[in-house]
Amino acid sequence: MPKMKSHKGMAKRVKVTARGKVRYKPSFASHLMSGKSGDRVRRLRKPVLVTPVMAKKIIPRLKAVSR
């Protein structure tokens, strides 16, 4: 049986915190920021946590990387 590989595309986009939560950078935050409100721009700077239901699906795909 071959080794399980981590999902490299997922590994580049998300990070598992020390407490096991999954964090990612929100979309729509890289360019064309002048058309967005200041409140929205500030909100987009912060990383976002994935819901626990989605985290259960994501974490097994990252097992090889998160250790």
C-alpha atoms as a PDB file:
ATOM      1  CA  MET A   1       0.000   0.000   0.000  1.00  0.00           C
ATOM      2  CA  PRO A   2       1.565   3.360  -0.990  1.00  0.00           C
ATOM      3  CA  LYS A   3       1.958   6.237   1.432  1.00  0.00           C
ATOM      4  CA  MET A   4      -0.855   8.767   1.674  1.00  0.00           C
ATOM      5  CA  LYS A   5       0.187  12.077   0.169  1.00  0.00           C
ATOM      6  CA  SER A   6      -0.990  15.392   1.513  1.00  0.00           C
ATOM      7  CA  HIS A   7      -3.096  17.573  -0.769  1.00  0.00           C
ATOM      8  CA  LYS A   8      -0.494  20.131  -1.883  1.00  0.00           C
ATOM      9  CA  GLY A   9      -3.028  22.646  -3.197  1.00  0.00           C
ATOM     10  CA  MET A  10      -4.803  22.617   0.156  1.00  0.00           C
ATOM     11  CA  ALA A  11      -1.512  22.812   2.074  1.00  0.00           C
ATOM     12  CA  LYS A  12      -0.582  26.039   0.265  1.00  0.00           C
ATOM     13  CA  ARG A  13      -3.894  27.715   1.077  1.00  0.00           C
ATOM     14  CA  VAL A  14      -4.659  26.747   4.674  1.00  0.00           C
ATOM     15  CA  LYS A  15      -2.818  26.344   7.976  1.00  0.00           C
ATOM     16  CA  VAL A  16      -3.783  24.206  10.943  1.00  0.00           C
ATOM     17  CA  THR A  17      -3.389  26.079  14.231  1.00  0.00           C
ATOM     18  CA  ALA A  18      -1.940  24.582  17.416  1.00  0.00           C
ATOM     19  CA  ARG A  19      -5.465  23.930  18.705  1.00  0.00           C
ATOM     20  CA  GLY A  20      -6.506  22.145  15.515  1.00  0.00           C
ATOM     21  CA  LYS A  21      -8.505  24.918  13.852  1.00  0.00           C
ATOM     22  CA  VAL A  22      -8.070  25.614  10.143  1.00  0.00           C
ATOM     23  CA  ARG A  23      -7.162  29.140   9.082  1.00  0.00           C
ATOM     24  CA  TYR A  24      -7.066  30.681   5.582  1.00  0.00           C
ATOM     25  CA  LYS A  25      -6.756  34.050   3.862  1.00  0.00           C
ATOM     26  CA  PRO A  26     -10.056  35.337   2.462  1.00  0.00           C
ATOM     27  CA  SER A  27     -10.541  35.873  -1.247  1.00  0.00           C
ATOM     28  CA  PHE A  28     -11.034  39.268  -2.966  1.00  0.00           C
ATOM     29  CA  ALA A  29      -8.182  40.803  -0.944  1.00  0.00           C
ATOM     30  CA  SER A  30      -5.245  40.940  -3.350  1.00  0.00           C
ATOM     31  CA  HIS A  31      -5.923  43.860  -5.697  1.00  0.00           C
ATOM     32  CA  LEU A  32      -8.571  46.410  -6.799  1.00  0.00           C
ATOM     33  CA  MET A  33      -8.894  47.505  -3.180  1.00  0.00           C
ATOM     34  CA  SER A  34      -9.761  51.135  -3.993  1.00  0.00           C
ATOM     35  CA  GLY A  35     -13.295  50.121  -4.949  1.00  0.00           C
ATOM     36  CA  LYS A  36     -13.919  48.443  -1.598  1.00  0.00           C
ATOM     37  CA  SER A  37     -14.895  50.229   1.604  1.00  0.00           C
ATOM     38  CA  GLY A  38     -12.326  50.751   4.348  1.00  0.00           C
ATOM     39  CA  ASP A  39     -14.234  48.500   6.722  1.00  0.00           C
ATOM     40  CA  ARG A  40     -14.226  45.721   4.159  1.00  0.00           C
ATOM     41  CA  VAL A  41     -10.509  46.150   3.419  1.00  0.00           C
ATOM     42  CA  ARG A  42      -9.633  45.936   7.122  1.00  0.00           C
ATOM     43  CA  ARG A  43     -11.824  42.862   7.525  1.00  0.00           C
ATOM     44  CA  LEU A  44     -10.132  41.177   4.550  1.00  0.00           C
ATOM     45  CA  ARG A  45      -6.676  41.606   6.116  1.00  0.00           C
ATOM     46  CA  LYS A  46      -7.425  39.154   8.901  1.00  0.00           C
ATOM     47  CA  PRO A  47      -7.259  35.391   8.459  1.00  0.00           C
ATOM     48  CA  VAL A  48     -10.573  33.532   8.675  1.00  0.00           C
ATOM     49  CA  LEU A  49     -11.363  30.272  10.474  1.00  0.00           C
ATOM     50  CA  VAL A  50     -13.060  27.426   8.654  1.00  0.00           C
ATOM     51  CA  THR A  51     -16.250  26.012  10.159  1.00  0.00           C
ATOM     52  CA  PRO A  52     -15.735  22.849  12.249  1.00  0.00           C
ATOM     53  CA  VAL A  53     -17.669  20.751   9.721  1.00  0.00           C
ATOM     54  CA  MET A  54     -15.358  21.806   6.880  1.00  0.00           C
ATOM     55  CA  ALA A  55     -12.286  21.434   9.109  1.00  0.00           C
ATOM     56  CA  LYS A  56     -13.098  17.745   9.568  1.00  0.00           C
ATOM     57  CA  LYS A  57     -12.881  17.315   5.788  1.00  0.00           C
ATOM     58  CA  ILE A  58      -9.736  19.426   5.342  1.00  0.00           C
ATOM     59  CA  ILE A  59      -7.511  18.138   8.165  1.00  0.00           C
ATOM     60  CA  PRO A  60      -7.197  14.532   6.883  1.00  0.00           C
ATOM     61  CA  ARG A  61      -5.898  15.880   3.570  1.00  0.00           C
ATOM     62  CA  LEU A  62      -3.119  17.752   5.362  1.00  0.00           C
ATOM     63  CA  LYS A  63      -1.942  15.027   7.748  1.00  0.00           C
ATOM     64  CA  ALA A  64       1.432  14.526   6.051  1.00  0.00           C
ATOM     65  CA  VAL A  65       2.188  18.282   6.223  1.00  0.00           C
ATOM     66  CA  SER A  66       0.826  19.249   9.639  1.00  0.00           C
ATOM     67  CA  ARG A  67       3.297  17.120  11.619  1.00  0.00           C
END
